[in-house]
Amino acid sequence: MWLAGLLHPEGLEGFALLTQDAAPSIAHVHLRMPVVLSKNHLEAWLVEGRVPPSPEVVAWAVGMSVNRTTEDGPHLSEPIPTLF
């Protein structure tokens, strides 16, 4: 497990983004993915350092408008047709 980022400016609340090896279903997109902790796994992670198994993750191609900061809405996550 790797720590990908940590933000804690003085006087502000902070957060940490924890990553792990990517689930096989999305490893073709990136080698790492966020650690997903449910309430059931939280104590085991905090107390014992156990990372839960990766959840079922599904990836699909989306349109280029997802990269535009002026775009917003659920249509950005709709799958697009691909050649593969």
Protein backbone atom coordinates (compact mmCIF):
# COMPACT_ATOMS: atom_id res chain seq x y z
CA MET A 1 0.00 0.00 0.00
CA TRP A 2 1.28 3.49 -0.84
CA LEU A 3 0.34 6.95 0.33
CA ALA A 4 -0.43 8.95 -2.80
CA GLY A 5 -1.12 12.31 -1.24
CA LEU A 6 -1.39 14.13 2.05
CA LEU A 7 -2.83 17.59 2.57
CA HIS A 8 -2.94 19.24 5.95
CA PRO A 9 -2.39 23.02 5.80
CA GLU A 10 -2.07 24.66 9.20
CA GLY A 11 -5.48 25.35 10.71
CA LEU A 12 -7.39 23.32 8.10
CA GLU A 13 -8.68 19.79 8.12
CA GLY A 14 -6.67 17.41 6.00
CA PHE A 15 -7.04 14.15 4.18
CA ALA A 16 -4.92 11.32 2.92
CA LEU A 17 -5.47 9.34 -0.26
CA LEU A 18 -4.35 5.75 0.15
CA THR A 19 -3.72 3.59 -2.88
CA GLN A 20 -3.18 -0.10 -3.52
CA ASP A 21 -2.48 -2.31 -6.51
CA ALA A 22 -5.27 -1.99 -9.05
CA ALA A 23 -7.97 -4.63 -9.29
CA PRO A 24 -7.41 -6.85 -12.34
CA SER A 25 -10.51 -5.41 -14.03
CA ILE A 26 -8.97 -1.91 -14.22
CA ALA A 27 -5.22 -2.58 -14.21
CA HIS A 28 -5.15 -1.79 -17.95
CA VAL A 29 -6.12 1.81 -17.06
CA HIS A 30 -3.67 2.35 -14.17
CA LEU A 31 -1.52 0.17 -11.93
CA ARG A 32 -2.86 1.74 -8.72
CA MET A 33 -6.33 2.47 -7.34
CA PRO A 34 -7.71 4.03 -4.16
CA VAL A 35 -8.14 1.83 -1.09
CA VAL A 36 -11.88 1.44 -0.60
CA LEU A 37 -12.84 1.06 3.05
CA SER A 38 -16.36 0.18 4.12
CA LYS A 39 -17.50 0.71 7.70
CA ASN A 40 -17.06 -3.06 8.21
CA HIS A 41 -13.35 -2.87 7.30
CA LEU A 42 -12.46 0.45 8.91
CA GLU A 43 -11.50 -0.78 12.39
CA ALA A 44 -9.42 -3.68 11.04
CA TRP A 45 -7.51 -1.20 8.89
CA LEU A 46 -7.01 1.38 11.65
CA VAL A 47 -6.13 -1.08 14.43
CA GLU A 48 -4.43 -3.95 12.60
CA GLY A 49 -3.36 -2.32 9.33
CA ARG A 50 -5.24 -4.92 7.28
CA VAL A 51 -6.18 -3.78 3.78
CA PRO A 52 -9.53 -5.23 2.69
CA PRO A 53 -9.80 -7.13 -0.58
CA SER A 54 -10.40 -4.94 -3.62
CA PRO A 55 -14.07 -4.46 -4.41
CA GLU A 56 -15.54 -5.35 -7.78
CA VAL A 57 -14.52 -2.44 -10.02
CA VAL A 58 -15.77 -1.87 -13.54
CA ALA A 59 -14.24 0.51 -16.09
CA TRP A 60 -15.62 1.79 -19.40
CA ALA A 61 -14.66 4.38 -21.99
CA VAL A 62 -16.18 7.86 -21.65
CA GLY A 63 -16.20 10.85 -23.96
CA MET A 64 -13.52 13.54 -24.08
CA SER A 65 -15.86 16.13 -22.56
CA VAL A 66 -15.09 14.59 -19.16
CA ASN A 67 -11.84 16.60 -19.33
CA ARG A 68 -13.55 19.97 -19.79
CA THR A 69 -13.89 21.98 -16.57
CA THR A 70 -16.96 23.71 -17.99
CA GLU A 71 -18.81 20.40 -18.33
CA ASP A 72 -20.82 18.91 -15.49
CA GLY A 73 -23.51 16.29 -15.17
CA PRO A 74 -24.25 12.57 -15.18
CA HIS A 75 -23.83 12.35 -18.96
CA LEU A 76 -20.06 12.53 -18.43
CA SER A 77 -19.99 8.98 -17.06
CA GLU A 78 -22.10 7.42 -19.80
CA PRO A 79 -20.23 4.77 -21.82
CA ILE A 80 -19.30 5.54 -25.41
CA PRO A 81 -18.94 3.03 -28.24
CA THR A 82 -15.36 1.85 -28.83
CA LEU A 83 -13.57 -0.22 -31.43
CA PHE A 84 -12.20 -2.68 -28.86
